[in-house]
């Protein structure tokens, strides 16, 4: 049984939950440098799975929350870059420091997302520091929820 869940997710649930994390990585390839593309891809995947089992919904929600943070950080850098390019701001040490921070932040997010996808696919319930607690508050298990894809414990 996966820690934090009342049942053991089956292969299909593990795959869907893992794909929730991979969705943002695929979007990076298509939408770099536009920060909204990752969020949109993750949002569409979330919307497509919001009626899925709790395990899948929980991980899609956690990824969506983390992508909102990435969107904010990257949007600030994107708009600051545009203002530097079109002359309303100057190239400063603060700008350079922020851009270096964004690059490091995005690299760390990329590595963490791959690790989350792999661990989730292997049946581990991985909770991110801030977003895991927020996800718990947002994504409650329905009391009438049926686990259509989950087999009883003695059949797995």
C-alpha atoms as a PDB file:
ATOM      1  CA  UNK A   1       0.000   0.000   0.000  1.00  0.00           C
ATOM      2  CA  UNK A   2       1.272   3.486  -0.874  1.00  0.00           C
ATOM      3  CA  UNK A   3       1.784   5.653   2.209  1.00  0.00           C
ATOM      4  CA  UNK A   4      -1.013   8.212   2.576  1.00  0.00           C
ATOM      5  CA  UNK A   5      -3.509   6.298   0.509  1.00  0.00           C
ATOM      6  CA  UNK A   6      -6.105   3.760   1.600  1.00  0.00           C
ATOM      7  CA  UNK A   7      -5.372   1.387  -1.257  1.00  0.00           C
ATOM      8  CA  UNK A   8      -2.556   0.250  -3.498  1.00  0.00           C
ATOM      9  CA  UNK A   9      -2.701   2.027  -6.879  1.00  0.00           C
ATOM     10  CA  UNK A  10      -2.633  -0.259  -9.890  1.00  0.00           C
ATOM     11  CA  UNK A  11      -0.360   0.058 -12.923  1.00  0.00           C
ATOM     12  CA  UNK A  12      -2.723   2.322 -14.848  1.00  0.00           C
ATOM     13  CA  UNK A  13      -3.011   4.750 -11.926  1.00  0.00           C
ATOM     14  CA  UNK A  14       0.748   4.802 -11.433  1.00  0.00           C
ATOM     15  CA  UNK A  15       1.242   5.534 -15.125  1.00  0.00           C
ATOM     16  CA  UNK A  16      -1.328   8.357 -15.193  1.00  0.00           C
ATOM     17  CA  UNK A  17       0.048   9.977 -12.041  1.00  0.00           C
ATOM     18  CA  UNK A  18       3.586   9.775 -13.417  1.00  0.00           C
ATOM     19  CA  UNK A  19       2.450  11.271 -16.724  1.00  0.00           C
ATOM     20  CA  UNK A  20       1.099  14.270 -14.807  1.00  0.00           C
ATOM     21  CA  UNK A  21       4.663  15.177 -13.903  1.00  0.00           C
ATOM     22  CA  UNK A  22       6.029  14.420 -17.359  1.00  0.00           C
ATOM     23  CA  UNK A  23       3.443  16.671 -19.024  1.00  0.00           C
ATOM     24  CA  UNK A  24       5.265  19.825 -17.933  1.00  0.00           C
ATOM     25  CA  UNK A  25       8.583  18.502 -19.231  1.00  0.00           C
ATOM     26  CA  UNK A  26       7.093  17.813 -22.647  1.00  0.00           C
ATOM     27  CA  UNK A  27       5.635  21.316 -22.702  1.00  0.00           C
ATOM     28  CA  UNK A  28       9.081  22.819 -22.012  1.00  0.00           C
ATOM     29  CA  UNK A  29      10.250  21.455 -25.346  1.00  0.00           C
ATOM     30  CA  UNK A  30       7.314  23.046 -27.159  1.00  0.00           C
ATOM     31  CA  UNK A  31       6.950  26.333 -25.315  1.00  0.00           C
ATOM     32  CA  UNK A  32      10.313  27.537 -24.124  1.00  0.00           C
ATOM     33  CA  UNK A  33      10.566  30.696 -23.292  1.00  0.00           C
ATOM     34  CA  UNK A  34       6.821  31.277 -22.828  1.00  0.00           C
ATOM     35  CA  UNK A  35       6.139  30.523 -19.166  1.00  0.00           C
ATOM     36  CA  UNK A  36       2.411  29.870 -19.591  1.00  0.00           C
ATOM     37  CA  UNK A  37       2.850  26.828 -21.878  1.00  0.00           C
ATOM     38  CA  UNK A  38       3.910  24.472 -19.045  1.00  0.00           C
ATOM     39  CA  UNK A  39       0.997  25.556 -16.885  1.00  0.00           C
ATOM     40  CA  UNK A  40      -1.491  25.110 -19.735  1.00  0.00           C
ATOM     41  CA  UNK A  41      -0.233  21.607 -20.531  1.00  0.00           C
ATOM     42  CA  UNK A  42      -0.396  20.609 -16.867  1.00  0.00           C
ATOM     43  CA  UNK A  43      -3.845  22.208 -16.494  1.00  0.00           C
ATOM     44  CA  UNK A  44      -5.226  20.304 -19.500  1.00  0.00           C
ATOM     45  CA  UNK A  45      -3.823  17.044 -18.132  1.00  0.00           C
ATOM     46  CA  UNK A  46      -5.328  17.839 -14.719  1.00  0.00           C
ATOM     47  CA  UNK A  47      -8.733  18.627 -16.263  1.00  0.00           C
ATOM     48  CA  UNK A  48      -8.634  15.362 -18.186  1.00  0.00           C
ATOM     49  CA  UNK A  49      -7.962  13.415 -14.983  1.00  0.00           C
ATOM     50  CA  UNK A  50      -9.931  15.347 -12.353  1.00  0.00           C
ATOM     51  CA  UNK A  51     -12.542  12.571 -12.175  1.00  0.00           C
ATOM     52  CA  UNK A  52      -9.935   9.845 -11.984  1.00  0.00           C
ATOM     53  CA  UNK A  53      -8.978   7.965  -8.839  1.00  0.00           C
ATOM     54  CA  UNK A  54      -7.733   9.829  -5.820  1.00  0.00           C
ATOM     55  CA  UNK A  55      -4.095   8.834  -6.379  1.00  0.00           C
ATOM     56  CA  UNK A  56      -4.082  10.253  -9.911  1.00  0.00           C
ATOM     57  CA  UNK A  57      -6.020  13.397  -8.918  1.00  0.00           C
ATOM     58  CA  UNK A  58      -3.719  14.025  -5.965  1.00  0.00           C
ATOM     59  CA  UNK A  59      -0.538  13.911  -8.060  1.00  0.00           C
ATOM     60  CA  UNK A  60      -2.047  15.949 -10.905  1.00  0.00           C
ATOM     61  CA  UNK A  61      -3.108  18.584  -8.362  1.00  0.00           C
ATOM     62  CA  UNK A  62       0.336  18.697  -6.756  1.00  0.00           C
ATOM     63  CA  UNK A  63       1.970  19.182 -10.156  1.00  0.00           C
ATOM     64  CA  UNK A  64      -0.502  21.907 -11.098  1.00  0.00           C
ATOM     65  CA  UNK A  65       0.245  23.811  -7.880  1.00  0.00           C
ATOM     66  CA  UNK A  66       3.987  23.554  -8.424  1.00  0.00           C
ATOM     67  CA  UNK A  67       3.595  24.764 -12.014  1.00  0.00           C
ATOM     68  CA  UNK A  68       1.746  27.848 -10.749  1.00  0.00           C
ATOM     69  CA  UNK A  69       4.849  28.718  -8.741  1.00  0.00           C
ATOM     70  CA  UNK A  70       7.104  28.141 -11.743  1.00  0.00           C
ATOM     71  CA  UNK A  71       4.796  30.333 -13.839  1.00  0.00           C
ATOM     72  CA  UNK A  72       5.083  33.229 -11.386  1.00  0.00           C
ATOM     73  CA  UNK A  73       8.874  33.020 -11.131  1.00  0.00           C
ATOM     74  CA  UNK A  74       9.337  32.682 -14.898  1.00  0.00           C
ATOM     75  CA  UNK A  75       6.786  35.390 -15.748  1.00  0.00           C
ATOM     76  CA  UNK A  76       8.658  37.934 -13.659  1.00  0.00           C
ATOM     77  CA  UNK A  77      11.865  37.076 -15.504  1.00  0.00           C
ATOM     78  CA  UNK A  78      10.129  37.086 -18.888  1.00  0.00           C
ATOM     79  CA  UNK A  79       8.532  40.502 -18.366  1.00  0.00           C
ATOM     80  CA  UNK A  80      11.758  41.927 -16.913  1.00  0.00           C
ATOM     81  CA  UNK A  81      13.655  40.671 -19.980  1.00  0.00           C
ATOM     82  CA  UNK A  82      11.150  42.331 -22.298  1.00  0.00           C
ATOM     83  CA  UNK A  83      11.500  45.613 -20.419  1.00  0.00           C
ATOM     84  CA  UNK A  84      15.302  45.398 -20.682  1.00  0.00           C
ATOM     85  CA  UNK A  85      15.106  44.647 -24.415  1.00  0.00           C
ATOM     86  CA  UNK A  86      12.726  47.522 -25.142  1.00  0.00           C
ATOM     87  CA  UNK A  87      14.511  50.071 -23.001  1.00  0.00           C
ATOM     88  CA  UNK A  88      12.210  50.745 -20.045  1.00  0.00           C
ATOM     89  CA  UNK A  89      14.717  48.963 -17.730  1.00  0.00           C
ATOM     90  CA  UNK A  90      18.473  48.748 -17.740  1.00  0.00           C
ATOM     91  CA  UNK A  91      20.676  45.703 -17.618  1.00  0.00           C
ATOM     92  CA  UNK A  92      21.641  45.595 -13.955  1.00  0.00           C
ATOM     93  CA  UNK A  93      23.275  43.267 -11.466  1.00  0.00           C
ATOM     94  CA  UNK A  94      19.831  42.603  -9.981  1.00  0.00           C
ATOM     95  CA  UNK A  95      18.521  41.497 -13.373  1.00  0.00           C
ATOM     96  CA  UNK A  96      21.527  39.231 -13.996  1.00  0.00           C
ATOM     97  CA  UNK A  97      21.240  37.723 -10.508  1.00  0.00           C
ATOM     98  CA  UNK A  98      17.513  37.073 -10.991  1.00  0.00           C
ATOM     99  CA  UNK A  99      18.113  35.437 -14.377  1.00  0.00           C
ATOM    100  CA  UNK A 100      20.821  33.179 -12.904  1.00  0.00           C
ATOM    101  CA  UNK A 101      18.413  32.291 -10.089  1.00  0.00           C
ATOM    102  CA  UNK A 102      15.660  31.476 -12.608  1.00  0.00           C
ATOM    103  CA  UNK A 103      17.980  29.227 -14.601  1.00  0.00           C
ATOM    104  CA  UNK A 104      19.024  27.363 -11.431  1.00  0.00           C
ATOM    105  CA  UNK A 105      15.399  27.187 -10.234  1.00  0.00           C
ATOM    106  CA  UNK A 106      14.221  25.766 -13.563  1.00  0.00           C
ATOM    107  CA  UNK A 107      17.062  23.234 -13.684  1.00  0.00           C
ATOM    108  CA  UNK A 108      16.214  22.097 -10.153  1.00  0.00           C
ATOM    109  CA  UNK A 109      12.519  21.903 -11.064  1.00  0.00           C
ATOM    110  CA  UNK A 110      13.378  19.838 -14.152  1.00  0.00           C
ATOM    111  CA  UNK A 111      15.409  17.336 -12.104  1.00  0.00           C
ATOM    112  CA  UNK A 112      12.815  17.160  -9.322  1.00  0.00           C
ATOM    113  CA  UNK A 113      10.013  16.626 -11.851  1.00  0.00           C
ATOM    114  CA  UNK A 114      11.866  13.695 -13.434  1.00  0.00           C
ATOM    115  CA  UNK A 115      12.496  12.218  -9.975  1.00  0.00           C
ATOM    116  CA  UNK A 116       8.823  12.678  -9.041  1.00  0.00           C
ATOM    117  CA  UNK A 117       7.682  10.986 -12.249  1.00  0.00           C
ATOM    118  CA  UNK A 118       9.979   7.995 -11.668  1.00  0.00           C
ATOM    119  CA  UNK A 119       9.142   7.632  -7.975  1.00  0.00           C
ATOM    120  CA  UNK A 120       5.412   8.001  -8.573  1.00  0.00           C
ATOM    121  CA  UNK A 121       5.559   5.435 -11.376  1.00  0.00           C
ATOM    122  CA  UNK A 122       7.255   3.050  -8.940  1.00  0.00           C
ATOM    123  CA  UNK A 123       4.365   3.464  -6.503  1.00  0.00           C
ATOM    124  CA  UNK A 124       5.978   5.934  -4.104  1.00  0.00           C
ATOM    125  CA  UNK A 125       3.797   8.724  -2.779  1.00  0.00           C
ATOM    126  CA  UNK A 126       6.090  11.747  -2.983  1.00  0.00           C
ATOM    127  CA  UNK A 127       4.954  14.944  -1.311  1.00  0.00           C
ATOM    128  CA  UNK A 128       6.634  18.225  -2.172  1.00  0.00           C
ATOM    129  CA  UNK A 129       7.381  20.477   0.792  1.00  0.00           C
ATOM    130  CA  UNK A 130       4.758  23.232   0.381  1.00  0.00           C
ATOM    131  CA  UNK A 131       2.611  21.855  -2.394  1.00  0.00           C
ATOM    132  CA  UNK A 132       1.999  18.488  -0.730  1.00  0.00           C
ATOM    133  CA  UNK A 133       0.226  20.137   2.208  1.00  0.00           C
ATOM    134  CA  UNK A 134      -1.785  22.385  -0.119  1.00  0.00           C
ATOM    135  CA  UNK A 135      -2.698  19.383  -2.249  1.00  0.00           C
ATOM    136  CA  UNK A 136      -3.961  17.562   0.843  1.00  0.00           C
ATOM    137  CA  UNK A 137      -6.281  20.486   1.570  1.00  0.00           C
ATOM    138  CA  UNK A 138      -7.539  20.765  -2.005  1.00  0.00           C
ATOM    139  CA  UNK A 139      -7.742  17.129  -3.051  1.00  0.00           C
ATOM    140  CA  UNK A 140      -9.869  15.331  -0.499  1.00  0.00           C
ATOM    141  CA  UNK A 141     -10.806  11.721  -1.018  1.00  0.00           C
ATOM    142  CA  UNK A 142     -14.474  11.418  -1.822  1.00  0.00           C
ATOM    143  CA  UNK A 143     -16.336   9.346   0.747  1.00  0.00           C
ATOM    144  CA  UNK A 144     -18.256   7.568  -2.001  1.00  0.00           C
ATOM    145  CA  UNK A 145     -15.256   7.193  -4.279  1.00  0.00           C
ATOM    146  CA  UNK A 146     -14.982   3.826  -5.953  1.00  0.00           C
ATOM    147  CA  UNK A 147     -11.612   2.546  -7.009  1.00  0.00           C
ATOM    148  CA  UNK A 148     -12.724   0.990 -10.265  1.00  0.00           C
ATOM    149  CA  UNK A 149      -9.202   0.178 -11.319  1.00  0.00           C
ATOM    150  CA  UNK A 150      -7.878  -1.042  -7.985  1.00  0.00           C
ATOM    151  CA  UNK A 151      -7.970  -4.728  -7.265  1.00  0.00           C
ATOM    152  CA  UNK A 152      -8.662  -6.021  -3.753  1.00  0.00           C
ATOM    153  CA  UNK A 153      -5.538  -6.449  -1.614  1.00  0.00           C
ATOM    154  CA  UNK A 154      -5.550 -10.256  -1.904  1.00  0.00           C
ATOM    155  CA  UNK A 155      -5.565 -10.112  -5.746  1.00  0.00           C
ATOM    156  CA  UNK A 156      -2.512  -7.925  -6.224  1.00  0.00           C
END
